[in-house]
Amino acid sequence: MQKIKEFLEGVRKEMKKVSWPNQQELIDNTIIVVVFTIIITSFIFGIDQVYSTVLEAIYSFGGTT
């Protein structure tokens, strides 16, 4: 039980050292994450559409035997 108590005390001390963002920093960082998520998702969707179109064309030529 003593080790658990020491661990929790250590956690409490370390949490006091954490530099928490203020509200404006949190809002700015959230906007950045959302924008980059949309950009990367759009990029992956575009690549997927290109691959799907190419594979569909390949299969349509090779499938009529």
C-alpha atoms as a PDB file:
ATOM      1  CA  MET A   1       0.000   0.000   0.000  1.00  0.00           C
ATOM      2  CA  GLN A   2       2.938   2.306   0.698  1.00  0.00           C
ATOM      3  CA  LYS A   3       4.222   1.968  -2.897  1.00  0.00           C
ATOM      4  CA  ILE A   4       0.834   3.000  -4.287  1.00  0.00           C
ATOM      5  CA  LYS A   5       0.805   6.012  -1.973  1.00  0.00           C
ATOM      6  CA  GLU A   6       4.326   7.006  -3.114  1.00  0.00           C
ATOM      7  CA  PHE A   7       3.361   6.570  -6.754  1.00  0.00           C
ATOM      8  CA  LEU A   8       0.281   8.784  -6.416  1.00  0.00           C
ATOM      9  CA  GLU A   9       2.311  11.409  -4.556  1.00  0.00           C
ATOM     10  CA  GLY A  10       4.856  11.382  -7.412  1.00  0.00           C
ATOM     11  CA  VAL A  11       2.076  11.754  -9.966  1.00  0.00           C
ATOM     12  CA  ARG A  12       0.647  14.704  -8.051  1.00  0.00           C
ATOM     13  CA  LYS A  13       4.046  16.427  -7.937  1.00  0.00           C
ATOM     14  CA  GLU A  14       4.636  15.896 -11.668  1.00  0.00           C
ATOM     15  CA  MET A  15       1.161  17.186 -12.571  1.00  0.00           C
ATOM     16  CA  LYS A  16       2.017  20.466 -10.828  1.00  0.00           C
ATOM     17  CA  LYS A  17       4.964  20.863 -13.219  1.00  0.00           C
ATOM     18  CA  VAL A  18       2.796  20.529 -16.342  1.00  0.00           C
ATOM     19  CA  SER A  19       2.379  23.694 -18.397  1.00  0.00           C
ATOM     20  CA  TRP A  20      -1.304  23.670 -19.332  1.00  0.00           C
ATOM     21  CA  PRO A  21      -2.426  25.690 -22.389  1.00  0.00           C
ATOM     22  CA  ASN A  22      -4.729  28.647 -21.933  1.00  0.00           C
ATOM     23  CA  GLN A  23      -8.113  28.738 -23.662  1.00  0.00           C
ATOM     24  CA  GLN A  24      -6.905  30.590 -26.775  1.00  0.00           C
ATOM     25  CA  GLU A  25      -3.988  28.198 -27.306  1.00  0.00           C
ATOM     26  CA  LEU A  26      -6.368  25.267 -26.942  1.00  0.00           C
ATOM     27  CA  ILE A  27      -8.779  26.738 -29.515  1.00  0.00           C
ATOM     28  CA  ASP A  28      -5.934  27.508 -31.962  1.00  0.00           C
ATOM     29  CA  ASN A  29      -4.441  24.016 -31.648  1.00  0.00           C
ATOM     30  CA  THR A  30      -7.862  22.396 -32.058  1.00  0.00           C
ATOM     31  CA  ILE A  31      -8.477  24.371 -35.269  1.00  0.00           C
ATOM     32  CA  ILE A  32      -5.068  23.327 -36.618  1.00  0.00           C
ATOM     33  CA  VAL A  33      -5.770  19.654 -35.887  1.00  0.00           C
ATOM     34  CA  VAL A  34      -9.233  19.778 -37.501  1.00  0.00           C
ATOM     35  CA  VAL A  35      -7.926  21.565 -40.632  1.00  0.00           C
ATOM     36  CA  PHE A  36      -5.040  19.122 -41.119  1.00  0.00           C
ATOM     37  CA  THR A  37      -7.377  16.181 -40.514  1.00  0.00           C
ATOM     38  CA  ILE A  38      -9.684  17.453 -43.265  1.00  0.00           C
ATOM     39  CA  ILE A  39      -6.732  18.014 -45.630  1.00  0.00           C
ATOM     40  CA  ILE A  40      -5.230  14.561 -45.066  1.00  0.00           C
ATOM     41  CA  THR A  41      -8.645  12.882 -45.288  1.00  0.00           C
ATOM     42  CA  SER A  42      -9.338  14.650 -48.593  1.00  0.00           C
ATOM     43  CA  PHE A  43      -5.931  13.609 -49.938  1.00  0.00           C
ATOM     44  CA  ILE A  44      -6.462   9.953 -49.003  1.00  0.00           C
ATOM     45  CA  PHE A  45      -9.978  10.041 -50.472  1.00  0.00           C
ATOM     46  CA  GLY A  46      -8.624  11.485 -53.733  1.00  0.00           C
ATOM     47  CA  ILE A  47      -5.902   8.838 -53.997  1.00  0.00           C
ATOM     48  CA  ASP A  48      -8.472   6.126 -53.268  1.00  0.00           C
ATOM     49  CA  GLN A  49     -10.729   7.430 -56.033  1.00  0.00           C
ATOM     50  CA  VAL A  50      -7.846   7.440 -58.523  1.00  0.00           C
ATOM     51  CA  TYR A  51      -6.856   3.874 -57.598  1.00  0.00           C
ATOM     52  CA  SER A  52     -10.481   2.726 -57.814  1.00  0.00           C
ATOM     53  CA  THR A  53     -10.881   4.265 -61.258  1.00  0.00           C
ATOM     54  CA  VAL A  54      -7.628   2.750 -62.532  1.00  0.00           C
ATOM     55  CA  LEU A  55      -8.426  -0.710 -61.155  1.00  0.00           C
ATOM     56  CA  GLU A  56     -11.956  -0.563 -62.533  1.00  0.00           C
ATOM     57  CA  ALA A  57     -10.548   0.243 -65.975  1.00  0.00           C
ATOM     58  CA  ILE A  58      -8.040  -2.609 -65.731  1.00  0.00           C
ATOM     59  CA  TYR A  59     -10.692  -5.095 -64.643  1.00  0.00           C
ATOM     60  CA  SER A  60     -13.118  -4.027 -67.360  1.00  0.00           C
ATOM     61  CA  PHE A  61     -10.495  -4.700 -70.067  1.00  0.00           C
ATOM     62  CA  GLY A  62      -9.340  -8.031 -68.634  1.00  0.00           C
ATOM     63  CA  GLY A  63     -12.681  -9.396 -67.516  1.00  0.00           C
ATOM     64  CA  THR A  64     -14.257 -10.055 -70.953  1.00  0.00           C
ATOM     65  CA  THR A  65     -12.745 -13.381 -71.997  1.00  0.00           C
END
